[in-house]
Every structure is written in structure tokens, then in C-alpha cells.
Amino acid sequence: MGQLEAALANRPYTLFNGHFHSFSHRKRLGRDYSILVTTGGSQNSKDSMSFDHVTLVRMAKEPVVNHLKMEGILDETRKVPIVLDSFLIVKE
């Protein structure tokens, strides 16, 4: 157990970190630990867990966490781009 985990041991918490550019989630010490990906940063094209996304956290009794892949977010023309491998198709 690290110093921060020890300091928070008696409190509920959810931990997020980044930098590795490969999405992952695990339970540790009964808490949620997530590694976030990118919002336009470099990615490993061979890593299926490397993608552009935005994380939305809504505070309720427990945090509600949703990860939105950028392919599903409207562009400035209100269209949803659909990505198929290396092809970009804009749904009108």
C-alpha cells in the first residue's frame, strides 16, 4: 500500500491517472482504479485499448463514471463520425 492509499484508507475514493495511453480498469483495495487514454494524444495503433475519449464523472451517492469514445460525439456540424479501421465515414 502506498502513502496516498494509506492516507485515504478510511475514506471512499476513485483513482484516475493517465500518461500510458492505454485504457484499463481494476479494483484495488476495494476501490476503482482507471488509467485514462487520450483526447488527441499519440496512440499505439496495435493496442485495441488506445483510443481518443472523454471521461464524464457524475457525483451521486457513489460516483458514476462513463467513458465516451470520441467517435460517438457530435462534430461541429452535428454529425456523428463513424470510424471503421482506417476509414472515416460521416453519418448524415
PDB file of N, CA and C in Angstrom:
ATOM      1  N   MET A   1       0.850  -1.179   0.000  1.00  0.00           N
ATOM      2  CA  MET A   1       0.000   0.000   0.000  1.00  0.00           C
ATOM      3  C   MET A   1       0.892   1.237   0.000  1.00  0.00           C
ATOM      4  N   GLY A   2       0.595   2.170  -0.908  1.00  0.00           N
ATOM      5  CA  GLY A   2       1.360   3.407  -0.983  1.00  0.00           C
ATOM      6  C   GLY A   2       0.928   4.426   0.059  1.00  0.00           C
ATOM      7  N   GLN A   3       1.665   5.506   0.158  1.00  0.00           N
ATOM      8  CA  GLN A   3       1.372   6.543   1.157  1.00  0.00           C
ATOM      9  C   GLN A   3       0.002   7.186   0.938  1.00  0.00           C
ATOM     10  N   LEU A   4      -0.343   7.459  -0.313  1.00  0.00           N
ATOM     11  CA  LEU A   4      -1.639   8.074  -0.601  1.00  0.00           C
ATOM     12  C   LEU A   4      -2.772   7.105  -0.263  1.00  0.00           C
ATOM     13  N   GLU A   5      -2.613   5.837  -0.621  1.00  0.00           N
ATOM     14  CA  GLU A   5      -3.632   4.837  -0.296  1.00  0.00           C
ATOM     15  C   GLU A   5      -3.791   4.699   1.211  1.00  0.00           C
ATOM     16  N   ALA A   6      -2.701   4.734   1.938  1.00  0.00           N
ATOM     17  CA  ALA A   6      -2.766   4.644   3.404  1.00  0.00           C
ATOM     18  C   ALA A   6      -3.499   5.848   3.986  1.00  0.00           C
ATOM     19  N   ALA A   7      -3.226   7.037   3.444  1.00  0.00           N
ATOM     20  CA  ALA A   7      -3.882   8.252   3.939  1.00  0.00           C
ATOM     21  C   ALA A   7      -5.380   8.239   3.652  1.00  0.00           C
ATOM     22  N   LEU A   8      -5.785   7.592   2.555  1.00  0.00           N
ATOM     23  CA  LEU A   8      -7.198   7.549   2.168  1.00  0.00           C
ATOM     24  C   LEU A   8      -7.898   6.257   2.596  1.00  0.00           C
ATOM     25  N   ALA A   9      -7.221   5.404   3.319  1.00  0.00           N
ATOM     26  CA  ALA A   9      -7.719   4.054   3.625  1.00  0.00           C
ATOM     27  C   ALA A   9      -9.120   4.035   4.232  1.00  0.00           C
ATOM     28  N   ASN A  10      -9.457   5.005   5.038  1.00  0.00           N
ATOM     29  CA  ASN A  10     -10.758   5.019   5.709  1.00  0.00           C
ATOM     30  C   ASN A  10     -11.790   5.893   4.996  1.00  0.00           C
ATOM     31  N   ARG A  11     -11.474   6.308   3.767  1.00  0.00           N
ATOM     32  CA  ARG A  11     -12.383   7.156   3.000  1.00  0.00           C
ATOM     33  C   ARG A  11     -12.677   6.503   1.660  1.00  0.00           C
ATOM     34  N   PRO A  12     -13.871   6.716   1.117  1.00  0.00           N
ATOM     35  CA  PRO A  12     -14.132   6.217  -0.242  1.00  0.00           C
ATOM     36  C   PRO A  12     -13.390   7.093  -1.256  1.00  0.00           C
ATOM     37  N   TYR A  13     -12.840   6.486  -2.286  1.00  0.00           N
ATOM     38  CA  TYR A  13     -12.201   7.257  -3.349  1.00  0.00           C
ATOM     39  C   TYR A  13     -12.203   6.460  -4.647  1.00  0.00           C
ATOM     40  N   THR A  14     -12.070   7.176  -5.738  1.00  0.00           N
ATOM     41  CA  THR A  14     -11.892   6.605  -7.067  1.00  0.00           C
ATOM     42  C   THR A  14     -10.641   7.241  -7.631  1.00  0.00           C
ATOM     43  N   LEU A  15      -9.757   6.446  -8.193  1.00  0.00           N
ATOM     44  CA  LEU A  15      -8.483   6.969  -8.678  1.00  0.00           C
ATOM     45  C   LEU A  15      -8.432   6.933 -10.206  1.00  0.00           C
ATOM     46  N   PHE A  16      -8.001   8.057 -10.803  1.00  0.00           N
ATOM     47  CA  PHE A  16      -7.789   8.159 -12.239  1.00  0.00           C
ATOM     48  C   PHE A  16      -6.347   8.579 -12.472  1.00  0.00           C
ATOM     49  N   ASN A  17      -5.715   8.006 -13.472  1.00  0.00           N
ATOM     50  CA  ASN A  17      -4.423   8.520 -13.908  1.00  0.00           C
ATOM     51  C   ASN A  17      -4.322   8.373 -15.406  1.00  0.00           C
ATOM     52  N   GLY A  18      -3.321   8.943 -15.985  1.00  0.00           N
ATOM     53  CA  GLY A  18      -3.166   8.912 -17.429  1.00  0.00           C
ATOM     54  C   GLY A  18      -1.738   8.590 -17.809  1.00  0.00           C
ATOM     55  N   HIS A  19      -1.297   9.138 -18.914  1.00  0.00           N
ATOM     56  CA  HIS A  19       0.057   9.074 -19.425  1.00  0.00           C
ATOM     57  C   HIS A  19       0.387   7.795 -20.187  1.00  0.00           C
ATOM     58  N   PHE A  20      -0.191   6.655 -19.838  1.00  0.00           N
ATOM     59  CA  PHE A  20       0.165   5.412 -20.509  1.00  0.00           C
ATOM     60  C   PHE A  20      -0.568   5.210 -21.835  1.00  0.00           C
ATOM     61  N   HIS A  21      -1.641   5.962 -22.079  1.00  0.00           N
ATOM     62  CA  HIS A  21      -2.391   5.958 -23.347  1.00  0.00           C
ATOM     63  C   HIS A  21      -2.948   4.587 -23.714  1.00  0.00           C
ATOM     64  N   SER A  22      -3.293   3.801 -22.709  1.00  0.00           N
ATOM     65  CA  SER A  22      -3.950   2.508 -22.926  1.00  0.00           C
ATOM     66  C   SER A  22      -4.961   2.327 -21.800  1.00  0.00           C
ATOM     67  N   PHE A  23      -6.246   2.313 -22.153  1.00  0.00           N
ATOM     68  CA  PHE A  23      -7.310   2.260 -21.155  1.00  0.00           C
ATOM     69  C   PHE A  23      -7.260   0.974 -20.346  1.00  0.00           C
ATOM     70  N   SER A  24      -7.442   1.110 -19.046  1.00  0.00           N
ATOM     71  CA  SER A  24      -7.596  -0.077 -18.203  1.00  0.00           C
ATOM     72  C   SER A  24      -8.358   0.311 -16.942  1.00  0.00           C
ATOM     73  N   HIS A  25      -8.928  -0.690 -16.321  1.00  0.00           N
ATOM     74  CA  HIS A  25      -9.658  -0.511 -15.072  1.00  0.00           C
ATOM     75  C   HIS A  25      -9.423  -1.748 -14.207  1.00  0.00           C
ATOM     76  N   ARG A  26      -9.274  -1.520 -12.920  1.00  0.00           N
ATOM     77  CA  ARG A  26      -9.171  -2.644 -11.994  1.00  0.00           C
ATOM     78  C   ARG A  26      -9.639  -2.206 -10.621  1.00  0.00           C
ATOM     79  N   LYS A  27      -9.953  -3.182  -9.812  1.00  0.00           N
ATOM     80  CA  LYS A  27     -10.275  -2.941  -8.403  1.00  0.00           C
ATOM     81  C   LYS A  27      -9.001  -3.180  -7.609  1.00  0.00           C
ATOM     82  N   ARG A  28      -8.703  -2.288  -6.699  1.00  0.00           N
ATOM     83  CA  ARG A  28      -7.553  -2.436  -5.811  1.00  0.00           C
ATOM     84  C   ARG A  28      -7.984  -1.918  -4.449  1.00  0.00           C
ATOM     85  N   LEU A  29      -7.770  -2.698  -3.436  1.00  0.00           N
ATOM     86  CA  LEU A  29      -8.157  -2.314  -2.078  1.00  0.00           C
ATOM     87  C   LEU A  29      -9.631  -1.937  -2.001  1.00  0.00           C
ATOM     88  N   GLY A  30     -10.443  -2.574  -2.848  1.00  0.00           N
ATOM     89  CA  GLY A  30     -11.878  -2.316  -2.863  1.00  0.00           C
ATOM     90  C   GLY A  30     -12.273  -1.021  -3.542  1.00  0.00           C
ATOM     91  N   ARG A  31     -11.336  -0.358  -4.221  1.00  0.00           N
ATOM     92  CA  ARG A  31     -11.601   0.924  -4.892  1.00  0.00           C
ATOM     93  C   ARG A  31     -11.395   0.759  -6.398  1.00  0.00           C
ATOM     94  N   ASP A  32     -11.963   1.694  -7.174  1.00  0.00           N
ATOM     95  CA  ASP A  32     -11.798   1.694  -8.629  1.00  0.00           C
ATOM     96  C   ASP A  32     -10.546   2.475  -9.013  1.00  0.00           C
ATOM     97  N   TYR A  33      -9.715   1.852  -9.836  1.00  0.00           N
ATOM     98  CA  TYR A  33      -8.509   2.475 -10.383  1.00  0.00           C
ATOM     99  C   TYR A  33      -8.614   2.421 -11.908  1.00  0.00           C
ATOM    100  N   SER A  34      -8.587   3.589 -12.566  1.00  0.00           N
ATOM    101  CA  SER A  34      -8.687   3.649 -14.023  1.00  0.00           C
ATOM    102  C   SER A  34      -7.495   4.385 -14.610  1.00  0.00           C
ATOM    103  N   ILE A  35      -6.941   3.820 -15.675  1.00  0.00           N
ATOM    104  CA  ILE A  35      -5.947   4.526 -16.474  1.00  0.00           C
ATOM    105  C   ILE A  35      -6.688   5.053 -17.695  1.00  0.00           C
ATOM    106  N   LEU A  36      -6.650   6.372 -17.872  1.00  0.00           N
ATOM    107  CA  LEU A  36      -7.358   7.011 -18.970  1.00  0.00           C
ATOM    108  C   LEU A  36      -6.491   7.019 -20.213  1.00  0.00           C
ATOM    109  N   VAL A  37      -7.125   7.245 -21.356  1.00  0.00           N
ATOM    110  CA  VAL A  37      -6.417   7.188 -22.627  1.00  0.00           C
ATOM    111  C   VAL A  37      -6.116   8.614 -23.084  1.00  0.00           C
ATOM    112  N   THR A  38      -6.431   8.985 -24.304  1.00  0.00           N
ATOM    113  CA  THR A  38      -6.062  10.301 -24.830  1.00  0.00           C
ATOM    114  C   THR A  38      -7.278  11.074 -25.325  1.00  0.00           C
ATOM    115  N   THR A  39      -7.086  12.363 -25.495  1.00  0.00           N
ATOM    116  CA  THR A  39      -8.045  13.207 -26.207  1.00  0.00           C
ATOM    117  C   THR A  39      -7.270  13.921 -27.305  1.00  0.00           C
ATOM    118  N   GLY A  40      -6.635  13.131 -28.153  1.00  0.00           N
ATOM    119  CA  GLY A  40      -5.874  13.676 -29.273  1.00  0.00           C
ATOM    120  C   GLY A  40      -4.387  13.390 -29.184  1.00  0.00           C
ATOM    121  N   GLY A  41      -3.935  12.713 -28.137  1.00  0.00           N
ATOM    122  CA  GLY A  41      -2.515  12.403 -27.988  1.00  0.00           C
ATOM    123  C   GLY A  41      -2.088  11.225 -28.846  1.00  0.00           C
ATOM    124  N   SER A  42      -0.816  10.891 -28.759  1.00  0.00           N
ATOM    125  CA  SER A  42      -0.294   9.782 -29.552  1.00  0.00           C
ATOM    126  C   SER A  42      -0.856   8.455 -29.044  1.00  0.00           C
ATOM    127  N   GLN A  43      -1.011   7.513 -29.961  1.00  0.00           N
ATOM    128  CA  GLN A  43      -1.586   6.211 -29.631  1.00  0.00           C
ATOM    129  C   GLN A  43      -0.808   5.109 -30.326  1.00  0.00           C
ATOM    130  N   ASN A  44      -0.874   3.926 -29.753  1.00  0.00           N
ATOM    131  CA  ASN A  44      -0.295   2.739 -30.372  1.00  0.00           C
ATOM    132  C   ASN A  44      -1.394   2.097 -31.216  1.00  0.00           C
ATOM    133  N   SER A  45      -1.243   2.094 -32.532  1.00  0.00           N
ATOM    134  CA  SER A  45      -2.292   1.580 -33.423  1.00  0.00           C
ATOM    135  C   SER A  45      -2.532   0.084 -33.238  1.00  0.00           C
ATOM    136  N   LYS A  46      -1.601  -0.634 -32.612  1.00  0.00           N
ATOM    137  CA  LYS A  46      -1.759  -2.071 -32.378  1.00  0.00           C
ATOM    138  C   LYS A  46      -2.434  -2.372 -31.036  1.00  0.00           C
ATOM    139  N   ASP A  47      -2.708  -1.340 -30.246  1.00  0.00           N
ATOM    140  CA  ASP A  47      -3.320  -1.505 -28.921  1.00  0.00           C
ATOM    141  C   ASP A  47      -4.810  -1.198 -29.024  1.00  0.00           C
ATOM    142  N   SER A  48      -5.661  -2.210 -28.884  1.00  0.00           N
ATOM    143  CA  SER A  48      -7.111  -2.012 -29.005  1.00  0.00           C
ATOM    144  C   SER A  48      -7.681  -1.149 -27.880  1.00  0.00           C
ATOM    145  N   MET A  49      -6.922  -0.952 -26.821  1.00  0.00           N
ATOM    146  CA  MET A  49      -7.392  -0.126 -25.709  1.00  0.00           C
ATOM    147  C   MET A  49      -6.802   1.286 -25.756  1.00  0.00           C
ATOM    148  N   SER A  50      -6.284   1.667 -26.909  1.00  0.00           N
ATOM    149  CA  SER A  50      -5.747   3.004 -27.120  1.00  0.00           C
ATOM    150  C   SER A  50      -6.679   3.735 -28.082  1.00  0.00           C
ATOM    151  N   PHE A  51      -7.397   4.734 -27.577  1.00  0.00           N
ATOM    152  CA  PHE A  51      -8.376   5.464 -28.379  1.00  0.00           C
ATOM    153  C   PHE A  51      -8.610   6.829 -27.756  1.00  0.00           C
ATOM    154  N   ASP A  52      -9.138   7.758 -28.542  1.00  0.00           N
ATOM    155  CA  ASP A  52      -9.483   9.078 -28.013  1.00  0.00           C
ATOM    156  C   ASP A  52     -10.800   8.978 -27.255  1.00  0.00           C
ATOM    157  N   HIS A  53     -10.854   9.598 -26.091  1.00  0.00           N
ATOM    158  CA  HIS A  53     -12.075   9.558 -25.300  1.00  0.00           C
ATOM    159  C   HIS A  53     -12.126  10.733 -24.329  1.00  0.00           C
ATOM    160  N   VAL A  54     -13.294  10.909 -23.752  1.00  0.00           N
ATOM    161  CA  VAL A  54     -13.539  11.882 -22.699  1.00  0.00           C
ATOM    162  C   VAL A  54     -14.177  11.111 -21.552  1.00  0.00           C
ATOM    163  N   THR A  55     -13.772  11.399 -20.337  1.00  0.00           N
ATOM    164  CA  THR A  55     -14.357  10.743 -19.170  1.00  0.00           C
ATOM    165  C   THR A  55     -15.323  11.705 -18.494  1.00  0.00           C
ATOM    166  N   LEU A  56     -16.531  11.227 -18.264  1.00  0.00           N
ATOM    167  CA  LEU A  56     -17.571  12.007 -17.604  1.00  0.00           C
ATOM    168  C   LEU A  56     -17.800  11.400 -16.234  1.00  0.00           C
ATOM    169  N   VAL A  57     -17.655  12.220 -15.188  1.00  0.00           N
ATOM    170  CA  VAL A  57     -17.883  11.745 -13.817  1.00  0.00           C
ATOM    171  C   VAL A  57     -19.040  12.547 -13.244  1.00  0.00           C
ATOM    172  N   ARG A  58     -20.075  11.824 -12.840  1.00  0.00           N
ATOM    173  CA  ARG A  58     -21.234  12.454 -12.204  1.00  0.00           C
ATOM    174  C   ARG A  58     -21.254  12.002 -10.755  1.00  0.00           C
ATOM    175  N   MET A  59     -21.361  12.958  -9.857  1.00  0.00           N
ATOM    176  CA  MET A  59     -21.357  12.629  -8.431  1.00  0.00           C
ATOM    177  C   MET A  59     -22.784  12.385  -7.956  1.00  0.00           C
ATOM    178  N   ALA A  60     -23.025  11.179  -7.495  1.00  0.00           N
ATOM    179  CA  ALA A  60     -24.276  10.778  -6.873  1.00  0.00           C
ATOM    180  C   ALA A  60     -23.868  10.222  -5.506  1.00  0.00           C
ATOM    181  N   LYS A  61     -24.639   9.297  -4.949  1.00  0.00           N
ATOM    182  CA  LYS A  61     -24.207   8.663  -3.705  1.00  0.00           C
ATOM    183  C   LYS A  61     -22.839   8.016  -3.897  1.00  0.00           C
ATOM    184  N   GLU A  62     -22.675   7.380  -5.030  1.00  0.00           N
ATOM    185  CA  GLU A  62     -21.386   6.843  -5.486  1.00  0.00           C
ATOM    186  C   GLU A  62     -21.066   7.533  -6.811  1.00  0.00           C
ATOM    187  N   PRO A  63     -19.806   7.728  -7.152  1.00  0.00           N
ATOM    188  CA  PRO A  63     -19.504   8.328  -8.455  1.00  0.00           C
ATOM    189  C   PRO A  63     -20.005   7.448  -9.600  1.00  0.00           C
ATOM    190  N   VAL A  64     -20.572   8.084 -10.622  1.00  0.00           N
ATOM    191  CA  VAL A  64     -20.995   7.387 -11.835  1.00  0.00           C
ATOM    192  C   VAL A  64     -20.007   7.812 -12.922  1.00  0.00           C
ATOM    193  N   VAL A  65     -19.249   6.864 -13.444  1.00  0.00           N
ATOM    194  CA  VAL A  65     -18.189   7.161 -14.400  1.00  0.00           C
ATOM    195  C   VAL A  65     -18.551   6.577 -15.755  1.00  0.00           C
ATOM    196  N   ASN A  66     -18.503   7.412 -16.798  1.00  0.00           N
ATOM    197  CA  ASN A  66     -18.725   6.976 -18.171  1.00  0.00           C
ATOM    198  C   ASN A  66     -17.562   7.451 -19.019  1.00  0.00           C
ATOM    199  N   HIS A  67     -17.104   6.585 -19.908  1.00  0.00           N
ATOM    200  CA  HIS A  67     -16.035   6.922 -20.831  1.00  0.00           C
ATOM    201  C   HIS A  67     -16.645   7.019 -22.224  1.00  0.00           C
ATOM    202  N   LEU A  68     -16.575   8.193 -22.822  1.00  0.00           N
ATOM    203  CA  LEU A  68     -17.182   8.449 -24.120  1.00  0.00           C
ATOM    204  C   LEU A  68     -16.107   8.404 -25.199  1.00  0.00           C
ATOM    205  N   LYS A  69     -16.199   7.419 -26.103  1.00  0.00           N
ATOM    206  CA  LYS A  69     -15.260   7.381 -27.210  1.00  0.00           C
ATOM    207  C   LYS A  69     -15.578   8.544 -28.142  1.00  0.00           C
ATOM    208  N   MET A  70     -14.557   9.199 -28.631  1.00  0.00           N
ATOM    209  CA  MET A  70     -14.743  10.393 -29.456  1.00  0.00           C
ATOM    210  C   MET A  70     -15.512  10.108 -30.738  1.00  0.00           C
ATOM    211  N   GLU A  71     -15.489   8.846 -31.221  1.00  0.00           N
ATOM    212  CA  GLU A  71     -16.223   8.534 -32.444  1.00  0.00           C
ATOM    213  C   GLU A  71     -17.724   8.727 -32.284  1.00  0.00           C
ATOM    214  N   GLY A  72     -18.228   8.717 -31.059  1.00  0.00           N
ATOM    215  CA  GLY A  72     -19.657   8.841 -30.827  1.00  0.00           C
ATOM    216  C   GLY A  72     -20.097  10.240 -30.458  1.00  0.00           C
ATOM    217  N   ILE A  73     -19.192  11.179 -30.473  1.00  0.00           N
ATOM    218  CA  ILE A  73     -19.506  12.542 -30.081  1.00  0.00           C
ATOM    219  C   ILE A  73     -19.726  13.375 -31.334  1.00  0.00           C
ATOM    220  N   LEU A  74     -20.744  14.201 -31.325  1.00  0.00           N
ATOM    221  CA  LEU A  74     -21.069  15.022 -32.495  1.00  0.00           C
ATOM    222  C   LEU A  74     -19.924  15.958 -32.851  1.00  0.00           C
ATOM    223  N   ASP A  75     -19.689  16.121 -34.155  1.00  0.00           N
ATOM    224  CA  ASP A  75     -18.714  17.107 -34.591  1.00  0.00           C
ATOM    225  C   ASP A  75     -19.398  18.473 -34.676  1.00  0.00           C
ATOM    226  N   GLU A  76     -18.667  19.479 -35.158  1.00  0.00           N
ATOM    227  CA  GLU A  76     -19.215  20.839 -35.177  1.00  0.00           C
ATOM    228  C   GLU A  76     -20.396  21.009 -36.127  1.00  0.00           C
ATOM    229  N   THR A  77     -20.606  20.053 -37.032  1.00  0.00           N
ATOM    230  CA  THR A  77     -21.761  20.120 -37.943  1.00  0.00           C
ATOM    231  C   THR A  77     -22.918  19.252 -37.448  1.00  0.00           C
ATOM    232  N   ARG A  78     -22.836  18.786 -36.222  1.00  0.00           N
ATOM    233  CA  ARG A  78     -23.849  17.954 -35.565  1.00  0.00           C
ATOM    234  C   ARG A  78     -23.959  16.567 -36.182  1.00  0.00           C
ATOM    235  N   LYS A  79     -22.889  16.090 -36.809  1.00  0.00           N
ATOM    236  CA  LYS A  79     -22.858  14.748 -37.369  1.00  0.00           C
ATOM    237  C   LYS A  79     -22.006  13.851 -36.487  1.00  0.00           C
ATOM    238  N   VAL A  80     -22.307  12.561 -36.502  1.00  0.00           N
ATOM    239  CA  VAL A  80     -21.541  11.597 -35.726  1.00  0.00           C
ATOM    240  C   VAL A  80     -20.579  10.883 -36.664  1.00  0.00           C
ATOM    241  N   PRO A  81     -19.277  11.111 -36.532  1.00  0.00           N
ATOM    242  CA  PRO A  81     -18.344  10.374 -37.380  1.00  0.00           C
ATOM    243  C   PRO A  81     -18.306   8.905 -36.969  1.00  0.00           C
ATOM    244  N   ILE A  82     -18.284   8.013 -37.952  1.00  0.00           N
ATOM    245  CA  ILE A  82     -18.184   6.577 -37.692  1.00  0.00           C
ATOM    246  C   ILE A  82     -16.820   6.125 -38.201  1.00  0.00           C
ATOM    247  N   VAL A  83     -16.018   5.516 -37.338  1.00  0.00           N
ATOM    248  CA  VAL A  83     -14.679   5.082 -37.717  1.00  0.00           C
ATOM    249  C   VAL A  83     -14.675   3.572 -37.896  1.00  0.00           C
ATOM    250  N   LEU A  84     -14.243   3.121 -39.059  1.00  0.00           N
ATOM    251  CA  LEU A  84     -14.080   1.701 -39.352  1.00  0.00           C
ATOM    252  C   LEU A  84     -12.628   1.488 -39.740  1.00  0.00           C
ATOM    253  N   ASP A  85     -11.846   0.935 -38.827  1.00  0.00           N
ATOM    254  CA  ASP A  85     -10.414   0.755 -39.044  1.00  0.00           C
ATOM    255  C   ASP A  85      -9.784   2.084 -39.453  1.00  0.00           C
ATOM    256  N   SER A  86      -9.251   2.177 -40.661  1.00  0.00           N
ATOM    257  CA  SER A  86      -8.585   3.414 -41.080  1.00  0.00           C
ATOM    258  C   SER A  86      -9.486   4.307 -41.924  1.00  0.00           C
ATOM    259  N   PHE A  87     -10.775   3.976 -42.035  1.00  0.00           N
ATOM    260  CA  PHE A  87     -11.695   4.763 -42.837  1.00  0.00           C
ATOM    261  C   PHE A  87     -12.572   5.611 -41.915  1.00  0.00           C
ATOM    262  N   LEU A  88     -12.836   6.819 -42.337  1.00  0.00           N
ATOM    263  CA  LEU A  88     -13.727   7.706 -41.607  1.00  0.00           C
ATOM    264  C   LEU A  88     -14.962   7.935 -42.461  1.00  0.00           C
ATOM    265  N   ILE A  89     -16.128   7.582 -41.927  1.00  0.00           N
ATOM    266  CA  ILE A  89     -17.384   7.767 -42.636  1.00  0.00           C
ATOM    267  C   ILE A  89     -18.225   8.714 -41.785  1.00  0.00           C
ATOM    268  N   VAL A  90     -18.772   9.749 -42.370  1.00  0.00           N
ATOM    269  CA  VAL A  90     -19.590  10.697 -41.636  1.00  0.00           C
ATOM    270  C   VAL A  90     -21.051  10.346 -41.874  1.00  0.00           C
ATOM    271  N   LYS A  91     -21.758  10.011 -40.791  1.00  0.00           N
ATOM    272  CA  LYS A  91     -23.182   9.682 -40.881  1.00  0.00           C
ATOM    273  C   LYS A  91     -23.973  10.981 -40.950  1.00  0.00           C
ATOM    274  N   GLU A  92     -24.761  11.132 -41.987  1.00  0.00           N
ATOM    275  CA  GLU A  92     -25.542  12.369 -42.146  1.00  0.00           C
ATOM    276  C   GLU A  92     -26.984  12.166 -41.787  1.00  0.00           C
TER     277      GLU A  92
END
